[in-house]
Amino acid sequence: MEKRTYYVAVNTGEIVDDPTITPWQYEIHATEDEAHQLRELFDQASRQSMDVAYRVARPFSGSGEDYDMHHYDNTLQEIYRIIYRLGNEKAKEHIQSTNMIEEIGKEYR
């Protein structure tokens, strides 16, 4: 499948093919399937962040909040792993310099 250039805004969860549509942080080169996978992860992270916000606003006994934060963190890690794998050199350098991926260098270089 042919790879195309996409522009990713992590803070809004947007993936676009026109860099003038919205502010973006990362340029990636991905197939439609890879871009779709990233979109699904952004949707998942959005749902998880809503769960975390709900738990913070309505605390209850138990470790549900920690559980939700753990899943949200894992999803964000996966998003950054995909961006690192598909990203241009500038994207990779930024992710490396900010230590966004905990295990960078072990399997993502």
N, C-alpha and C. Protein backbone atom coordinates (compact mmCIF):
# COMPACT_ATOMS: atom_id res chain seq x y z
N MET A 1 0.83 -1.17 0.00
CA MET A 1 0.00 0.00 0.00
C MET A 1 0.89 1.25 0.00
N GLU A 2 0.47 2.26 -0.70
CA GLU A 2 1.26 3.48 -0.87
C GLU A 2 1.23 4.35 0.39
N LYS A 3 2.39 4.88 0.74
CA LYS A 3 2.49 5.78 1.89
C LYS A 3 2.25 7.21 1.42
N ARG A 4 1.58 7.96 2.27
CA ARG A 4 1.32 9.38 2.02
C ARG A 4 1.82 10.18 3.21
N THR A 5 1.95 11.46 3.01
CA THR A 5 2.37 12.35 4.09
C THR A 5 1.14 12.85 4.84
N TYR A 6 1.20 12.74 6.16
CA TYR A 6 0.14 13.24 7.03
C TYR A 6 0.78 14.15 8.07
N TYR A 7 -0.05 15.02 8.62
CA TYR A 7 0.39 15.95 9.65
C TYR A 7 -0.46 15.69 10.89
N VAL A 8 0.23 15.51 12.02
CA VAL A 8 -0.43 15.04 13.24
C VAL A 8 -0.38 16.10 14.33
N ALA A 9 -1.54 16.35 14.92
CA ALA A 9 -1.65 17.24 16.08
C ALA A 9 -2.07 16.36 17.26
N VAL A 10 -1.13 16.05 18.12
CA VAL A 10 -1.41 15.15 19.24
C VAL A 10 -2.40 15.79 20.21
N ASN A 11 -2.26 17.07 20.47
CA ASN A 11 -3.12 17.72 21.46
C ASN A 11 -4.60 17.71 21.06
N THR A 12 -4.90 17.68 19.76
CA THR A 12 -6.30 17.64 19.32
C THR A 12 -6.67 16.28 18.72
N GLY A 13 -5.69 15.41 18.54
CA GLY A 13 -5.97 14.10 17.97
C GLY A 13 -6.29 14.14 16.49
N GLU A 14 -5.78 15.14 15.80
CA GLU A 14 -6.08 15.28 14.37
C GLU A 14 -4.95 14.73 13.51
N ILE A 15 -5.34 14.13 12.40
CA ILE A 15 -4.41 13.64 11.38
C ILE A 15 -4.95 14.14 10.06
N VAL A 16 -4.20 15.02 9.41
CA VAL A 16 -4.66 15.63 8.16
C VAL A 16 -3.58 15.47 7.09
N ASP A 17 -4.00 15.61 5.84
CA ASP A 17 -3.03 15.51 4.76
C ASP A 17 -2.67 16.88 4.16
N ASP A 18 -3.27 17.93 4.71
CA ASP A 18 -2.97 19.30 4.27
C ASP A 18 -2.43 20.07 5.48
N PRO A 19 -1.16 20.47 5.44
CA PRO A 19 -0.56 21.12 6.61
C PRO A 19 -1.12 22.51 6.92
N THR A 20 -1.96 23.05 6.03
CA THR A 20 -2.51 24.39 6.26
C THR A 20 -3.87 24.37 6.95
N ILE A 21 -4.43 23.18 7.14
CA ILE A 21 -5.77 23.06 7.73
C ILE A 21 -5.78 23.36 9.21
N THR A 22 -4.80 22.85 9.92
CA THR A 22 -4.77 22.96 11.37
C THR A 22 -3.32 22.98 11.85
N PRO A 23 -3.06 23.57 13.00
CA PRO A 23 -1.69 23.48 13.54
C PRO A 23 -1.34 22.01 13.81
N TRP A 24 -0.11 21.64 13.57
CA TRP A 24 0.32 20.25 13.76
C TRP A 24 1.72 20.24 14.37
N GLN A 25 2.06 19.08 14.97
CA GLN A 25 3.37 18.94 15.60
C GLN A 25 4.29 17.98 14.85
N TYR A 26 3.71 16.96 14.19
CA TYR A 26 4.54 15.90 13.60
C TYR A 26 4.13 15.60 12.17
N GLU A 27 5.13 15.39 11.33
CA GLU A 27 4.91 14.93 9.97
C GLU A 27 5.24 13.44 9.94
N ILE A 28 4.29 12.65 9.41
CA ILE A 28 4.50 11.21 9.30
C ILE A 28 4.28 10.77 7.86
N HIS A 29 4.79 9.60 7.53
CA HIS A 29 4.59 8.98 6.22
C HIS A 29 3.97 7.62 6.50
N ALA A 30 2.68 7.49 6.12
CA ALA A 30 1.92 6.32 6.51
C ALA A 30 0.98 5.85 5.41
N THR A 31 0.65 4.56 5.47
CA THR A 31 -0.40 4.03 4.61
C THR A 31 -1.74 4.46 5.20
N GLU A 32 -2.80 4.27 4.44
CA GLU A 32 -4.13 4.58 4.97
C GLU A 32 -4.42 3.75 6.22
N ASP A 33 -4.01 2.49 6.19
CA ASP A 33 -4.24 1.61 7.34
C ASP A 33 -3.50 2.11 8.58
N GLU A 34 -2.26 2.55 8.40
CA GLU A 34 -1.48 3.06 9.54
C GLU A 34 -2.10 4.34 10.08
N ALA A 35 -2.55 5.23 9.19
CA ALA A 35 -3.21 6.46 9.63
C ALA A 35 -4.51 6.14 10.36
N HIS A 36 -5.24 5.15 9.88
CA HIS A 36 -6.48 4.72 10.53
C HIS A 36 -6.19 4.17 11.93
N GLN A 37 -5.14 3.38 12.06
CA GLN A 37 -4.76 2.83 13.36
C GLN A 37 -4.44 3.96 14.34
N LEU A 38 -3.74 4.98 13.87
CA LEU A 38 -3.41 6.12 14.72
C LEU A 38 -4.68 6.88 15.12
N ARG A 39 -5.61 7.05 14.18
CA ARG A 39 -6.89 7.71 14.49
C ARG A 39 -7.65 6.94 15.57
N GLU A 40 -7.65 5.62 15.46
CA GLU A 40 -8.33 4.80 16.46
C GLU A 40 -7.71 4.97 17.84
N LEU A 41 -6.38 5.08 17.89
CA LEU A 41 -5.72 5.31 19.17
C LEU A 41 -6.06 6.69 19.74
N PHE A 42 -6.16 7.70 18.87
CA PHE A 42 -6.58 9.02 19.34
C PHE A 42 -8.00 8.97 19.90
N ASP A 43 -8.89 8.24 19.24
CA ASP A 43 -10.26 8.09 19.74
C ASP A 43 -10.26 7.39 21.09
N GLN A 44 -9.45 6.35 21.21
CA GLN A 44 -9.35 5.61 22.46
C GLN A 44 -8.82 6.51 23.58
N ALA A 45 -7.79 7.28 23.28
CA ALA A 45 -7.21 8.20 24.28
C ALA A 45 -8.24 9.24 24.71
N SER A 46 -9.03 9.71 23.77
CA SER A 46 -10.06 10.69 24.09
C SER A 46 -11.09 10.11 25.05
N ARG A 47 -11.54 8.89 24.77
CA ARG A 47 -12.49 8.23 25.67
C ARG A 47 -11.87 8.02 27.05
N GLN A 48 -10.61 7.60 27.07
CA GLN A 48 -9.94 7.35 28.35
C GLN A 48 -9.75 8.64 29.14
N SER A 49 -9.44 9.73 28.46
CA SER A 49 -9.25 10.99 29.19
C SER A 49 -10.57 11.47 29.78
N MET A 50 -11.68 11.19 29.10
CA MET A 50 -12.99 11.54 29.64
C MET A 50 -13.28 10.70 30.88
N ASP A 51 -12.90 9.42 30.85
CA ASP A 51 -13.07 8.55 32.02
C ASP A 51 -12.28 9.09 33.20
N VAL A 52 -11.04 9.50 32.94
CA VAL A 52 -10.18 10.03 34.01
C VAL A 52 -10.80 11.31 34.57
N ALA A 53 -11.26 12.19 33.70
CA ALA A 53 -11.87 13.45 34.16
C ALA A 53 -13.11 13.17 35.01
N TYR A 54 -13.90 12.19 34.60
CA TYR A 54 -15.09 11.84 35.37
C TYR A 54 -14.71 11.32 36.75
N ARG A 55 -13.69 10.48 36.80
CA ARG A 55 -13.27 9.92 38.09
C ARG A 55 -12.71 11.00 39.02
N VAL A 56 -11.99 11.96 38.46
CA VAL A 56 -11.43 13.03 39.27
C VAL A 56 -12.56 13.89 39.84
N ALA A 57 -13.56 14.15 39.02
CA ALA A 57 -14.69 14.98 39.46
C ALA A 57 -15.59 14.25 40.44
N ARG A 58 -15.62 12.93 40.37
CA ARG A 58 -16.48 12.13 41.24
C ARG A 58 -15.68 10.98 41.86
N PRO A 59 -14.81 11.32 42.79
CA PRO A 59 -13.96 10.26 43.38
C PRO A 59 -14.77 9.25 44.17
N PHE A 60 -14.25 8.05 44.19
CA PHE A 60 -14.83 6.99 45.00
C PHE A 60 -13.70 6.12 45.49
N SER A 61 -14.00 5.29 46.46
CA SER A 61 -12.94 4.45 47.01
C SER A 61 -12.54 3.39 46.01
N GLY A 62 -11.30 3.00 46.05
CA GLY A 62 -10.80 2.00 45.11
C GLY A 62 -9.71 2.59 44.25
N SER A 63 -9.21 1.79 43.33
CA SER A 63 -8.08 2.23 42.50
C SER A 63 -8.49 2.46 41.06
N GLY A 64 -9.76 2.74 40.81
CA GLY A 64 -10.25 2.96 39.44
C GLY A 64 -9.54 4.08 38.73
N GLU A 65 -9.27 5.17 39.45
CA GLU A 65 -8.61 6.33 38.83
C GLU A 65 -7.20 5.95 38.37
N ASP A 66 -6.46 5.24 39.21
CA ASP A 66 -5.12 4.81 38.84
C ASP A 66 -5.18 3.88 37.64
N TYR A 67 -6.18 3.00 37.63
CA TYR A 67 -6.37 2.07 36.53
C TYR A 67 -6.63 2.84 35.22
N ASP A 68 -7.52 3.84 35.28
CA ASP A 68 -7.82 4.64 34.09
C ASP A 68 -6.60 5.42 33.62
N MET A 69 -5.86 6.02 34.55
CA MET A 69 -4.66 6.78 34.16
C MET A 69 -3.63 5.87 33.53
N HIS A 70 -3.49 4.67 34.04
CA HIS A 70 -2.54 3.71 33.50
C HIS A 70 -2.89 3.38 32.04
N HIS A 71 -4.16 3.15 31.77
CA HIS A 71 -4.58 2.84 30.40
C HIS A 71 -4.38 4.05 29.48
N TYR A 72 -4.71 5.23 29.98
CA TYR A 72 -4.52 6.45 29.20
C TYR A 72 -3.04 6.67 28.88
N ASP A 73 -2.18 6.50 29.87
CA ASP A 73 -0.74 6.64 29.66
C ASP A 73 -0.23 5.63 28.64
N ASN A 74 -0.69 4.40 28.75
CA ASN A 74 -0.27 3.37 27.78
C ASN A 74 -0.70 3.72 26.37
N THR A 75 -1.90 4.25 26.22
CA THR A 75 -2.38 4.64 24.90
C THR A 75 -1.54 5.78 24.33
N LEU A 76 -1.22 6.76 25.16
CA LEU A 76 -0.36 7.86 24.69
C LEU A 76 1.02 7.34 24.30
N GLN A 77 1.55 6.41 25.06
CA GLN A 77 2.84 5.82 24.70
C GLN A 77 2.76 5.15 23.33
N GLU A 78 1.69 4.44 23.08
CA GLU A 78 1.52 3.77 21.79
C GLU A 78 1.38 4.78 20.66
N ILE A 79 0.68 5.88 20.89
CA ILE A 79 0.56 6.95 19.90
C ILE A 79 1.95 7.47 19.54
N TYR A 80 2.75 7.77 20.55
CA TYR A 80 4.09 8.31 20.28
C TYR A 80 5.01 7.27 19.64
N ARG A 81 4.83 6.01 19.96
CA ARG A 81 5.62 4.96 19.29
C ARG A 81 5.32 4.92 17.80
N ILE A 82 4.04 5.03 17.45
CA ILE A 82 3.65 5.01 16.04
C ILE A 82 4.17 6.25 15.34
N ILE A 83 4.02 7.40 15.97
CA ILE A 83 4.53 8.64 15.37
C ILE A 83 6.03 8.54 15.18
N TYR A 84 6.73 7.99 16.17
CA TYR A 84 8.18 7.83 16.04
C TYR A 84 8.53 6.91 14.88
N ARG A 85 7.83 5.81 14.76
CA ARG A 85 8.11 4.83 13.69
C ARG A 85 7.81 5.40 12.31
N LEU A 86 6.74 6.18 12.19
CA LEU A 86 6.31 6.69 10.89
C LEU A 86 6.79 8.11 10.61
N GLY A 87 7.32 8.78 11.62
CA GLY A 87 7.65 10.19 11.50
C GLY A 87 8.91 10.47 10.70
N ASN A 88 8.99 11.73 10.25
CA ASN A 88 10.21 12.17 9.58
C ASN A 88 11.30 12.37 10.64
N GLU A 89 12.48 12.74 10.20
CA GLU A 89 13.61 12.88 11.14
C GLU A 89 13.34 13.92 12.22
N LYS A 90 12.69 15.01 11.85
CA LYS A 90 12.39 16.06 12.83
C LYS A 90 11.46 15.52 13.91
N ALA A 91 10.47 14.73 13.53
CA ALA A 91 9.55 14.13 14.51
C ALA A 91 10.31 13.20 15.43
N LYS A 92 11.17 12.36 14.85
CA LYS A 92 11.93 11.41 15.66
C LYS A 92 12.86 12.13 16.63
N GLU A 93 13.53 13.18 16.16
CA GLU A 93 14.44 13.93 17.02
C GLU A 93 13.68 14.58 18.18
N HIS A 94 12.50 15.14 17.89
CA HIS A 94 11.72 15.79 18.95
C HIS A 94 11.27 14.77 19.99
N ILE A 95 10.78 13.63 19.55
CA ILE A 95 10.32 12.61 20.49
C ILE A 95 11.49 12.10 21.33
N GLN A 96 12.66 11.91 20.69
CA GLN A 96 13.84 11.48 21.44
C GLN A 96 14.25 12.53 22.46
N SER A 97 14.29 13.79 22.05
CA SER A 97 14.79 14.85 22.93
C SER A 97 13.88 15.11 24.12
N THR A 98 12.61 14.80 23.98
CA THR A 98 11.67 15.05 25.07
C THR A 98 11.34 13.79 25.87
N ASN A 99 11.95 12.67 25.49
CA ASN A 99 11.74 11.40 26.19
C ASN A 99 10.26 11.03 26.29
N MET A 100 9.53 11.23 25.21
CA MET A 100 8.09 10.91 25.19
C MET A 100 7.83 9.41 25.29
N ILE A 101 8.74 8.62 24.76
CA ILE A 101 8.58 7.17 24.80
C ILE A 101 9.52 6.64 25.85
N GLU A 102 8.97 5.93 26.79
CA GLU A 102 9.78 5.43 27.91
C GLU A 102 10.89 4.48 27.47
N GLU A 103 10.60 3.61 26.53
CA GLU A 103 11.59 2.61 26.15
C GLU A 103 12.24 2.92 24.80
N ILE A 104 12.34 4.17 24.44
CA ILE A 104 12.91 4.51 23.15
C ILE A 104 14.34 3.98 23.09
N GLY A 105 14.67 3.43 21.99
CA GLY A 105 16.00 2.87 21.82
C GLY A 105 16.02 1.38 22.00
N LYS A 106 15.07 0.83 22.73
CA LYS A 106 15.04 -0.60 22.92
C LYS A 106 14.52 -1.34 21.69
N GLU A 107 13.48 -0.75 21.07
CA GLU A 107 12.91 -1.43 19.91
C GLU A 107 12.34 -0.50 18.86
N TYR A 108 12.49 0.80 19.04
CA TYR A 108 11.85 1.72 18.13
C TYR A 108 12.81 2.53 17.27
N ARG A 109 14.08 2.23 17.34
CA ARG A 109 15.06 2.94 16.51
C ARG A 109 15.30 2.22 15.23
